[in-house]
């Protein structure tokens, strides 16, 4: 799904400009709600209470808004009860109401996000990732070409708390610098924005962790796949989707080759 934009649509009309616009507006509005909740941290609201409230209220907002606007579509949310009914839908919204809950509760950290994706026939084709603390929403409504790489070693965005076990070896093989940061969305968007060159995760994820970031990354012209190079498929009976790599197209062959070598040695 390279180069997704507001004109992209399946022959049967499965998605279009209104879906791209909806994803962007929903992510932005959920982000604004979270910023209001975050204001009280450290004054009147304990951080853990704000985290819990943020997860719950952002989910409630997104679930209600999607249900009203797209009553025929399915929904998969990190904070919602899963339902097998979504498996009967071709169009399924996959959302992470607050990606990076830990970082959200640590002002002034900015590495947390809101993910809103529409998957059609298992593919992440519409998406928005809001970075509310940065005042930014990246989306397939207005695809932003990925920033060009800079001279020097590759910068590898990795989890600051749960980096993959092989990440040090991977960085050594590619002679890459590690760039630790919080949420999956923040790391993926770091590649889009040019703050990192590669994002690799193999420590375990769910569909809502990667769906929207993958849609946005692909619309920016980036490569996105499983670490073995196989496709990312969404709206599966088990939403566990444990690994992911996002990088620039020109880096993908070297990145996937290095990953394959390292994984084969584990």
Protein backbone atom coordinates (compact mmCIF):
# COMPACT_ATOMS: atom_id res chain seq x y z
CA UNK A 1 0.00 0.00 0.00
CA UNK A 2 2.72 2.45 -0.91
CA UNK A 3 1.82 6.06 -1.43
CA UNK A 4 -1.60 5.94 0.20
CA UNK A 5 -3.45 9.26 -0.17
CA UNK A 6 -6.95 10.66 -0.19
CA UNK A 7 -7.55 9.45 -3.74
CA UNK A 8 -6.66 5.82 -3.03
CA UNK A 9 -9.69 3.55 -2.97
CA UNK A 10 -10.42 -0.07 -3.71
CA UNK A 11 -12.47 -0.75 -6.88
CA UNK A 12 -15.52 -1.53 -4.76
CA UNK A 13 -15.27 1.75 -2.85
CA UNK A 14 -14.04 0.18 0.39
CA UNK A 15 -12.36 3.36 1.58
CA UNK A 16 -11.87 6.94 0.48
CA UNK A 17 -11.19 10.55 1.37
CA UNK A 18 -13.80 10.74 4.15
CA UNK A 19 -12.12 7.84 5.95
CA UNK A 20 -8.71 9.50 5.83
CA UNK A 21 -10.19 12.75 7.14
CA UNK A 22 -12.09 10.93 9.89
CA UNK A 23 -8.98 9.12 11.12
CA UNK A 24 -7.08 12.40 11.33
CA UNK A 25 -9.84 14.28 13.16
CA UNK A 26 -10.50 11.43 15.59
CA UNK A 27 -6.82 11.13 16.50
CA UNK A 28 -6.55 14.88 16.98
CA UNK A 29 -9.67 15.12 19.15
CA UNK A 30 -8.60 12.19 21.31
CA UNK A 31 -5.20 13.82 21.69
CA UNK A 32 -6.78 17.11 22.79
CA UNK A 33 -8.81 15.22 25.39
CA UNK A 34 -5.65 13.56 26.71
CA UNK A 35 -3.83 16.88 26.95
CA UNK A 36 -6.61 18.23 29.16
CA UNK A 37 -6.35 15.20 31.45
CA UNK A 38 -2.57 15.53 31.57
CA UNK A 39 -2.71 19.13 32.79
CA UNK A 40 -3.60 18.01 36.32
CA UNK A 41 -0.66 15.64 36.80
CA UNK A 42 1.49 16.69 39.70
CA UNK A 43 -1.03 19.22 41.02
CA UNK A 44 -4.43 17.71 41.70
CA UNK A 45 -4.14 14.34 39.93
CA UNK A 46 -1.66 11.53 40.68
CA UNK A 47 0.12 10.25 37.57
CA UNK A 48 -1.35 6.74 37.79
CA UNK A 49 -4.86 8.13 38.09
CA UNK A 50 -4.29 10.30 35.01
CA UNK A 51 -2.95 7.30 33.10
CA UNK A 52 -6.02 5.24 33.95
CA UNK A 53 -8.38 8.10 33.12
CA UNK A 54 -6.55 8.79 29.88
CA UNK A 55 -6.79 5.19 28.68
CA UNK A 56 -10.47 4.94 29.60
CA UNK A 57 -11.75 8.29 28.36
CA UNK A 58 -9.85 8.24 25.09
CA UNK A 59 -11.21 4.76 24.38
CA UNK A 60 -14.76 5.84 25.25
CA UNK A 61 -14.49 8.84 22.94
CA UNK A 62 -13.09 6.87 20.00
CA UNK A 63 -15.45 3.91 20.39
CA UNK A 64 -18.49 6.22 20.56
CA UNK A 65 -17.39 8.41 17.66
CA UNK A 66 -16.54 5.47 15.39
CA UNK A 67 -19.77 3.71 16.31
CA UNK A 68 -21.78 6.79 15.37
CA UNK A 69 -19.94 7.61 12.14
CA UNK A 70 -19.34 4.08 10.90
CA UNK A 71 -22.00 1.81 12.42
CA UNK A 72 -21.37 -0.97 9.88
CA UNK A 73 -17.65 -1.19 10.63
CA UNK A 74 -15.88 -3.34 13.19
CA UNK A 75 -13.72 -2.05 16.04
CA UNK A 76 -10.62 -3.38 17.76
CA UNK A 77 -9.28 -1.25 20.63
CA UNK A 78 -6.58 -1.92 23.18
CA UNK A 79 -8.93 -0.76 25.92
CA UNK A 80 -12.11 -2.42 24.68
CA UNK A 81 -13.53 -5.91 25.00
CA UNK A 82 -12.71 -7.89 21.86
CA UNK A 83 -15.58 -9.27 19.82
CA UNK A 84 -15.50 -11.92 17.12
CA UNK A 85 -18.06 -9.83 15.22
CA UNK A 86 -15.17 -7.76 13.86
CA UNK A 87 -13.95 -10.83 11.97
CA UNK A 88 -17.13 -10.68 9.89
CA UNK A 89 -16.39 -7.11 8.78
CA UNK A 90 -14.20 -6.16 5.83
CA UNK A 91 -13.66 -2.70 7.35
CA UNK A 92 -12.35 -2.62 10.91
CA UNK A 93 -11.09 0.35 12.88
CA UNK A 94 -8.04 -0.55 14.96
CA UNK A 95 -7.21 2.00 17.66
CA UNK A 96 -4.80 2.51 20.50
CA UNK A 97 -6.45 5.26 22.57
CA UNK A 98 -3.22 6.03 24.44
CA UNK A 99 0.01 4.53 23.14
CA UNK A 100 2.75 5.14 25.67
CA UNK A 101 0.71 5.32 28.86
CA UNK A 102 3.88 5.45 30.96
CA UNK A 103 5.27 8.44 29.09
CA UNK A 104 1.89 10.18 29.17
CA UNK A 105 2.16 10.19 32.95
CA UNK A 106 5.62 11.76 32.91
CA UNK A 107 5.27 15.40 31.78
CA UNK A 108 6.94 16.96 29.85
CA UNK A 109 7.72 13.79 27.85
CA UNK A 110 6.39 13.97 24.29
CA UNK A 111 6.90 10.34 23.19
CA UNK A 112 3.31 9.12 23.49
CA UNK A 113 0.59 8.95 20.87
CA UNK A 114 -2.94 8.17 19.74
CA UNK A 115 -3.41 5.60 16.95
CA UNK A 116 -6.45 5.45 14.65
CA UNK A 117 -6.40 3.02 11.72
CA UNK A 118 -8.91 1.62 9.27
CA UNK A 119 -7.95 -1.84 8.07
CA UNK A 120 -9.70 -3.09 4.93
CA UNK A 121 -9.47 -6.78 4.02
CA UNK A 122 -6.64 -7.14 6.51
CA UNK A 123 -4.55 -4.22 5.22
CA UNK A 124 -3.79 -1.01 7.13
CA UNK A 125 -4.86 1.47 4.46
CA UNK A 126 -6.04 4.51 6.44
CA UNK A 127 -4.31 5.85 9.51
CA UNK A 128 -3.47 8.74 11.77
CA UNK A 129 -0.95 9.02 14.58
CA UNK A 130 -1.36 12.00 16.85
CA UNK A 131 1.61 13.19 18.88
CA UNK A 132 -0.42 15.54 21.10
CA UNK A 133 2.45 16.83 23.25
CA UNK A 134 4.18 17.90 20.04
CA UNK A 135 1.02 19.42 18.53
CA UNK A 136 1.34 17.10 15.53
CA UNK A 137 -0.91 14.65 13.69
CA UNK A 138 0.60 12.61 10.88
CA UNK A 139 -1.94 10.88 8.69
CA UNK A 140 -2.81 9.35 5.37
CA UNK A 141 -5.16 12.30 4.78
CA UNK A 142 -2.14 14.43 3.91
CA UNK A 143 0.77 12.06 3.36
CA UNK A 144 4.05 13.56 4.46
CA UNK A 145 7.03 12.28 2.49
CA UNK A 146 9.56 10.77 4.86
CA UNK A 147 12.49 13.03 5.64
CA UNK A 148 15.67 12.19 3.79
CA UNK A 149 18.37 10.34 5.65
CA UNK A 150 21.38 12.17 6.99
CA UNK A 151 25.05 11.26 6.59
CA UNK A 152 26.57 9.02 9.23
CA UNK A 153 25.48 5.83 11.01
CA UNK A 154 21.91 4.65 10.94
CA UNK A 155 19.85 5.75 13.95
CA UNK A 156 17.82 2.89 15.39
CA UNK A 157 14.69 3.81 17.38
CA UNK A 158 14.25 1.28 20.19
CA UNK A 159 12.12 0.91 23.29
CA UNK A 160 13.59 2.67 26.29
CA UNK A 161 12.08 0.06 28.61
CA UNK A 162 11.66 -3.15 26.56
CA UNK A 163 14.22 -3.27 23.72
CA UNK A 164 14.36 -6.52 21.72
CA UNK A 165 16.92 -8.99 23.07
CA UNK A 166 18.89 -8.92 19.83
CA UNK A 167 18.91 -5.13 19.42
CA UNK A 168 22.53 -4.65 20.53
CA UNK A 169 23.74 -7.22 18.03
CA UNK A 170 21.55 -5.72 15.31
CA UNK A 171 22.98 -2.25 16.00
CA UNK A 172 26.50 -3.69 15.90
CA UNK A 173 25.95 -5.39 12.54
CA UNK A 174 24.54 -2.21 10.99
CA UNK A 175 26.92 0.06 12.91
CA UNK A 176 23.81 1.90 14.08
CA UNK A 177 23.27 4.30 16.96
CA UNK A 178 20.50 3.48 19.45
CA UNK A 179 17.82 6.13 19.96
CA UNK A 180 15.69 5.08 22.97
CA UNK A 181 12.17 6.48 23.21
CA UNK A 182 8.72 5.59 24.45
CA UNK A 183 5.66 4.55 22.51
CA UNK A 184 5.53 2.52 19.31
CA UNK A 185 3.82 5.39 17.53
CA UNK A 186 6.49 7.86 18.59
CA UNK A 187 9.25 5.55 17.34
CA UNK A 188 7.56 4.88 14.00
CA UNK A 189 6.88 8.58 13.46
CA UNK A 190 10.50 9.35 14.34
CA UNK A 191 11.43 7.54 11.12
CA UNK A 192 8.83 9.51 9.14
CA UNK A 193 10.04 12.80 10.62
CA UNK A 194 13.73 12.02 10.14
CA UNK A 195 14.60 11.74 13.83
CA UNK A 196 15.53 8.07 13.30
CA UNK A 197 16.28 5.85 10.33
CA UNK A 198 14.98 2.45 11.44
CA UNK A 199 12.40 1.21 13.94
CA UNK A 200 12.57 -2.46 14.83
CA UNK A 201 10.43 -4.20 17.42
CA UNK A 202 10.44 -7.89 18.25
CA UNK A 203 9.54 -7.92 21.93
CA UNK A 204 5.83 -8.52 21.37
CA UNK A 205 3.07 -6.23 20.13
CA UNK A 206 -0.61 -6.24 19.26
CA UNK A 207 -2.31 -5.04 16.11
CA UNK A 208 -3.26 -1.70 17.69
CA UNK A 209 0.42 -0.98 18.40
CA UNK A 210 1.40 -0.97 14.73
CA UNK A 211 -1.68 -0.58 12.49
CA UNK A 212 -1.92 3.21 12.35
CA UNK A 213 1.86 3.77 12.37
CA UNK A 214 2.22 1.32 9.47
CA UNK A 215 -0.49 3.06 7.42
CA UNK A 216 1.16 6.45 7.98
CA UNK A 217 4.68 5.15 7.36
CA UNK A 218 3.68 3.54 4.08
CA UNK A 219 1.90 6.69 2.96
CA UNK A 220 5.21 8.49 3.57
CA UNK A 221 6.98 6.05 1.24
CA UNK A 222 8.63 3.92 3.92
CA UNK A 223 9.05 0.15 4.05
CA UNK A 224 6.98 -1.68 6.70
CA UNK A 225 6.86 -5.44 7.26
CA UNK A 226 7.43 -8.26 9.73
CA UNK A 227 11.11 -8.66 10.60
CA UNK A 228 11.31 -11.65 8.25
CA UNK A 229 10.03 -9.44 5.42
CA UNK A 230 6.56 -11.02 5.35
CA UNK A 231 3.43 -8.84 5.14
CA UNK A 232 1.67 -7.32 8.12
CA UNK A 233 -1.91 -8.59 8.20
CA UNK A 234 -4.58 -7.11 10.47
CA UNK A 235 -7.96 -8.03 11.92
CA UNK A 236 -6.86 -11.57 12.71
CA UNK A 237 -8.64 -13.82 15.24
CA UNK A 238 -5.66 -13.39 17.57
CA UNK A 239 -4.57 -9.73 17.46
CA UNK A 240 -1.04 -10.61 18.61
CA UNK A 241 1.39 -9.26 15.96
CA UNK A 242 4.74 -9.58 17.69
CA UNK A 243 7.29 -7.91 15.44
CA UNK A 244 7.72 -5.02 13.05
CA UNK A 245 10.32 -3.13 11.04
CA UNK A 246 9.90 0.33 9.53
CA UNK A 247 12.68 1.94 7.54
CA UNK A 248 13.43 3.80 4.33
CA UNK A 249 13.05 1.78 1.16
CA UNK A 250 16.75 2.04 0.28
CA UNK A 251 17.73 0.65 3.68
CA UNK A 252 15.26 -2.23 3.67
CA UNK A 253 17.43 -4.88 1.94
CA UNK A 254 20.34 -4.38 4.35
CA UNK A 255 18.06 -4.12 7.38
CA UNK A 256 16.11 -7.28 6.55
CA UNK A 257 19.29 -9.19 5.71
CA UNK A 258 20.87 -8.24 9.05
CA UNK A 259 17.69 -9.17 10.91
CA UNK A 260 17.56 -12.52 9.18
CA UNK A 261 21.15 -13.31 10.10
CA UNK A 262 20.67 -12.35 13.73
CA UNK A 263 17.37 -14.19 14.18
CA UNK A 264 18.86 -17.36 12.65
CA UNK A 265 21.58 -17.30 15.33
CA UNK A 266 19.19 -16.99 18.29
